[in-house]
């Protein structure tokens, strides 16, 4: 019987936006759940890596010009 009540509580917690003390809590989605979210996350990751490489190349070129 305890298992059924725990299952009900878990399902209510996922659907509900109201916490135990009665305050409203926003339900946030994980952006990597959807395909669009995964694409955006990977673009951000590769962009941060690319900016480091590009800035290193620019610094080397500017030092070579002087």
C-alpha atoms as a PDB file:
ATOM      1  CA  UNK A   1       0.000   0.000   0.000  1.00  0.00           C
ATOM      2  CA  UNK A   2       2.884   2.347   0.717  1.00  0.00           C
ATOM      3  CA  UNK A   3       4.187   1.776  -2.796  1.00  0.00           C
ATOM      4  CA  UNK A   4       0.945   2.942  -4.390  1.00  0.00           C
ATOM      5  CA  UNK A   5       0.787   6.084  -2.293  1.00  0.00           C
ATOM      6  CA  UNK A   6       4.442   6.876  -3.112  1.00  0.00           C
ATOM      7  CA  UNK A   7       3.701   6.433  -6.797  1.00  0.00           C
ATOM      8  CA  UNK A   8       0.749   8.807  -6.527  1.00  0.00           C
ATOM      9  CA  UNK A   9       2.842  11.399  -4.706  1.00  0.00           C
ATOM     10  CA  UNK A  10       5.588  11.203  -7.330  1.00  0.00           C
ATOM     11  CA  UNK A  11       3.135  11.649 -10.190  1.00  0.00           C
ATOM     12  CA  UNK A  12       1.496  14.594  -8.423  1.00  0.00           C
ATOM     13  CA  UNK A  13       4.867  16.248  -7.790  1.00  0.00           C
ATOM     14  CA  UNK A  14       5.779  16.075 -11.483  1.00  0.00           C
ATOM     15  CA  UNK A  15       2.497  17.600 -12.627  1.00  0.00           C
ATOM     16  CA  UNK A  16       1.993  20.092  -9.836  1.00  0.00           C
ATOM     17  CA  UNK A  17       3.416  23.605  -9.718  1.00  0.00           C
ATOM     18  CA  UNK A  18       2.549  24.067  -6.045  1.00  0.00           C
ATOM     19  CA  UNK A  19       5.038  22.989  -3.370  1.00  0.00           C
ATOM     20  CA  UNK A  20       4.206  21.396  -0.024  1.00  0.00           C
ATOM     21  CA  UNK A  21       3.973  24.732   1.787  1.00  0.00           C
ATOM     22  CA  UNK A  22       1.593  26.156  -0.815  1.00  0.00           C
ATOM     23  CA  UNK A  23       3.997  28.415  -2.751  1.00  0.00           C
ATOM     24  CA  UNK A  24       4.081  28.193  -6.515  1.00  0.00           C
ATOM     25  CA  UNK A  25       7.262  26.743  -8.009  1.00  0.00           C
ATOM     26  CA  UNK A  26       7.947  27.056 -11.746  1.00  0.00           C
ATOM     27  CA  UNK A  27       8.487  23.769 -13.544  1.00  0.00           C
ATOM     28  CA  UNK A  28      11.620  24.092 -15.654  1.00  0.00           C
ATOM     29  CA  UNK A  29      12.282  21.916 -18.692  1.00  0.00           C
ATOM     30  CA  UNK A  30      15.652  20.447 -19.556  1.00  0.00           C
ATOM     31  CA  UNK A  31      16.659  21.975 -22.910  1.00  0.00           C
ATOM     32  CA  UNK A  32      18.493  18.818 -23.970  1.00  0.00           C
ATOM     33  CA  UNK A  33      15.230  16.829 -24.000  1.00  0.00           C
ATOM     34  CA  UNK A  34      14.236  18.028 -27.473  1.00  0.00           C
ATOM     35  CA  UNK A  35      16.172  17.863 -30.728  1.00  0.00           C
ATOM     36  CA  UNK A  36      16.186  21.652 -31.062  1.00  0.00           C
ATOM     37  CA  UNK A  37      17.543  21.968 -27.525  1.00  0.00           C
ATOM     38  CA  UNK A  38      20.321  19.475 -28.250  1.00  0.00           C
ATOM     39  CA  UNK A  39      21.298  21.401 -31.384  1.00  0.00           C
ATOM     40  CA  UNK A  40      21.451  24.688 -29.459  1.00  0.00           C
ATOM     41  CA  UNK A  41      23.528  23.134 -26.663  1.00  0.00           C
ATOM     42  CA  UNK A  42      26.038  21.651 -29.117  1.00  0.00           C
ATOM     43  CA  UNK A  43      26.307  24.942 -31.039  1.00  0.00           C
ATOM     44  CA  UNK A  44      27.093  26.716 -27.770  1.00  0.00           C
ATOM     45  CA  UNK A  45      29.707  24.124 -26.784  1.00  0.00           C
ATOM     46  CA  UNK A  46      31.438  24.195 -30.185  1.00  0.00           C
ATOM     47  CA  UNK A  47      31.169  27.987 -30.309  1.00  0.00           C
ATOM     48  CA  UNK A  48      32.980  28.372 -26.997  1.00  0.00           C
ATOM     49  CA  UNK A  49      35.746  26.056 -28.211  1.00  0.00           C
ATOM     50  CA  UNK A  50      35.984  27.812 -31.561  1.00  0.00           C
ATOM     51  CA  UNK A  51      36.255  31.263 -29.974  1.00  0.00           C
ATOM     52  CA  UNK A  52      39.320  30.119 -28.023  1.00  0.00           C
ATOM     53  CA  UNK A  53      40.996  28.752 -31.145  1.00  0.00           C
ATOM     54  CA  UNK A  54      40.149  31.827 -33.237  1.00  0.00           C
ATOM     55  CA  UNK A  55      41.448  34.200 -30.574  1.00  0.00           C
ATOM     56  CA  UNK A  56      44.683  32.189 -30.337  1.00  0.00           C
ATOM     57  CA  UNK A  57      45.174  32.380 -34.119  1.00  0.00           C
ATOM     58  CA  UNK A  58      44.452  36.125 -34.139  1.00  0.00           C
ATOM     59  CA  UNK A  59      46.939  36.693 -31.313  1.00  0.00           C
ATOM     60  CA  UNK A  60      49.644  34.732 -33.150  1.00  0.00           C
ATOM     61  CA  UNK A  61      49.007  36.597 -36.391  1.00  0.00           C
ATOM     62  CA  UNK A  62      49.089  39.991 -34.667  1.00  0.00           C
ATOM     63  CA  UNK A  63      52.375  39.103 -32.958  1.00  0.00           C
ATOM     64  CA  UNK A  64      53.860  37.978 -36.298  1.00  0.00           C
ATOM     65  CA  UNK A  65      52.864  41.260 -37.979  1.00  0.00           C
ATOM     66  CA  UNK A  66      54.691  43.406 -35.401  1.00  0.00           C
END
